[in-house]
Protein backbone atom coordinates (compact mmCIF):
# COMPACT_ATOMS: atom_id res chain seq x y z
CA MET A 1 60.66 -14.83 7.94
CA ASN A 2 61.67 -11.78 5.92
CA ILE A 3 65.33 -11.83 4.77
CA PRO A 4 65.83 -9.26 1.97
CA GLN A 5 68.28 -10.37 -0.73
CA GLU A 6 69.87 -6.92 -1.16
CA LEU A 7 71.17 -6.69 2.41
CA LYS A 8 74.24 -8.16 4.12
CA TYR A 9 74.01 -9.85 7.52
CA SER A 10 76.23 -10.41 10.55
CA LYS A 11 76.37 -13.58 12.62
CA ASP A 12 75.09 -11.40 15.50
CA HIS A 13 71.80 -10.82 13.60
CA GLU A 14 72.39 -7.26 12.42
CA TRP A 15 71.62 -6.29 8.84
CA ILE A 16 73.50 -3.67 6.85
CA ARG A 17 72.38 -1.74 3.76
CA ILE A 18 75.35 -0.19 1.99
CA GLU A 19 75.04 3.00 -0.06
CA GLY A 20 78.55 3.95 -1.20
CA ASN A 21 80.64 4.44 1.96
CA ILE A 22 77.52 4.99 4.10
CA ALA A 23 75.55 2.13 5.63
CA TYR A 24 72.31 1.72 7.55
CA ILE A 25 72.32 -0.86 10.34
CA GLY A 26 69.45 -2.61 12.10
CA ILE A 27 68.50 -5.96 13.57
CA THR A 28 66.99 -8.71 11.48
CA ASP A 29 63.39 -9.84 11.42
CA PHE A 30 64.58 -13.08 13.06
CA ALA A 31 66.31 -11.14 15.87
CA GLN A 32 63.31 -8.94 16.62
CA SER A 33 61.01 -11.98 16.69
CA GLU A 34 63.35 -13.78 19.10
CA LEU A 35 63.53 -10.72 21.39
CA GLY A 36 59.77 -10.18 21.47
CA ASP A 37 58.16 -6.82 22.24
CA ILE A 38 60.87 -4.16 22.14
CA VAL A 39 60.35 -1.47 24.77
CA TYR A 40 63.58 0.56 24.60
CA VAL A 41 66.45 1.19 22.19
CA GLU A 42 69.65 2.76 23.52
CA MET A 43 72.14 4.11 21.01
CA GLU A 44 74.82 6.24 22.69
CA SER A 45 77.51 5.87 20.05
CA LEU A 46 76.75 8.94 17.91
CA ASP A 47 79.96 10.45 16.46
CA GLU A 48 82.03 7.53 17.81
CA GLU A 49 84.38 5.50 15.64
CA LEU A 50 83.89 1.84 16.46
CA ASN A 51 85.55 -1.33 15.22
CA GLU A 52 83.73 -4.30 13.76
CA GLY A 53 82.29 -6.37 16.60
CA GLU A 54 82.20 -3.55 19.17
CA VAL A 55 78.96 -2.74 20.99
CA MET A 56 77.17 0.25 19.48
CA GLY A 57 74.01 0.14 21.59
CA SER A 58 71.41 -2.12 23.13
CA ILE A 59 67.82 -3.17 22.70
CA GLU A 60 65.57 -3.90 25.63
CA ALA A 61 62.61 -6.22 25.22
CA VAL A 62 60.07 -7.19 27.86
CA LYS A 63 62.14 -10.18 29.00
CA THR A 64 65.75 -9.41 28.01
CA VAL A 65 68.36 -6.86 26.96
CA SER A 66 70.56 -7.52 23.94
CA ASP A 67 73.67 -5.70 22.72
CA ILE A 68 73.88 -4.38 19.17
CA PHE A 69 77.25 -4.96 17.51
CA MET A 70 78.96 -3.10 14.67
CA PRO A 71 78.88 -5.38 11.60
CA VAL A 72 81.79 -3.38 10.10
CA SER A 73 84.13 -0.67 11.39
CA GLY A 74 83.03 2.92 11.01
CA THR A 75 81.85 6.16 12.55
CA VAL A 76 78.25 6.45 13.73
CA ILE A 77 76.95 9.54 11.94
CA GLU A 78 73.23 9.30 12.73
CA ILE A 79 70.90 7.39 15.00
CA ASN A 80 67.21 6.81 14.40
CA ASP A 81 65.57 9.33 16.75
CA LYS A 82 62.09 7.88 16.05
CA LEU A 83 63.01 4.86 18.18
CA GLU A 84 63.24 6.99 21.34
CA SER A 85 59.48 7.42 21.43
CA GLU A 86 58.49 4.41 19.27
CA PRO A 87 60.90 1.49 19.87
CA GLU A 88 58.23 -0.94 18.67
CA ILE A 89 58.99 0.17 15.08
CA VAL A 90 61.90 -2.31 15.24
CA ASN A 91 59.30 -5.10 15.67
CA SER A 92 56.91 -3.91 12.98
CA ASP A 93 59.38 -2.65 10.33
CA PRO A 94 62.94 -3.85 11.11
CA TYR A 95 64.35 -3.26 7.60
CA ASN A 96 62.99 0.19 6.84
CA ASN A 97 61.72 2.60 9.50
CA GLY A 98 63.22 0.44 12.26
CA TRP A 99 66.87 1.05 11.29
CA LEU A 100 69.09 1.79 14.29
CA ALA A 101 72.10 3.75 13.05
CA LYS A 102 73.76 5.17 9.97
CA ILE A 103 77.53 4.84 9.76
CA GLU A 104 80.39 5.94 7.56
CA ILE A 105 82.31 2.77 6.75
CA SER A 106 86.04 3.02 7.50
CA ASN A 107 87.12 -0.42 6.21
CA PRO A 108 85.12 -1.51 3.13
CA GLU A 109 87.01 -4.83 3.01
CA GLU A 110 85.09 -6.01 6.11
CA VAL A 111 81.86 -6.06 4.09
CA ASN A 112 83.19 -9.15 2.28
CA ALA A 113 83.10 -11.14 5.55
CA LEU A 114 79.35 -10.54 6.03
CA LEU A 115 76.71 -13.09 5.06
CA ASN A 116 74.42 -12.77 2.07
CA ALA A 117 70.73 -13.61 2.46
CA ASP A 118 71.29 -17.32 1.70
CA GLY A 119 74.14 -17.54 4.20
CA TYR A 120 72.01 -15.87 6.85
CA LYS A 121 69.13 -18.28 6.17
CA LYS A 122 71.55 -21.17 6.78
CA LEU A 123 72.77 -19.55 10.02
CA ILE A 124 69.26 -19.36 11.47
CA GLY A 125 68.08 -22.66 9.99
CA ALA A 126 65.50 -21.05 7.70
CA GLU A 127 66.52 -22.76 4.45
């Protein structure tokens, strides 16, 4: 199970990579493995300001559909267009090319409530 140390994690299995007040968001390796083969990614929140915990999109796998939640509040400034034609990138490369959205963080304090890699490992029982 790949859980990069430099990222932060939500209890809903999203990861966040922070670069100043901009952040990339995706789902974790654990989440994509639990979902199975991803066939569709729907991100309709471009240019929307969303609060932490609000739904920003959904991922459809062969057997289920799962919501994607905002790990912190912010405005969605970009979505990963590659996923429209190649949603399986989320399975093969969840932390790099499989990112879902880029946001401008509106409340940096919320980052402190996210899990570090060790905390996420405990959450999923991968210690």
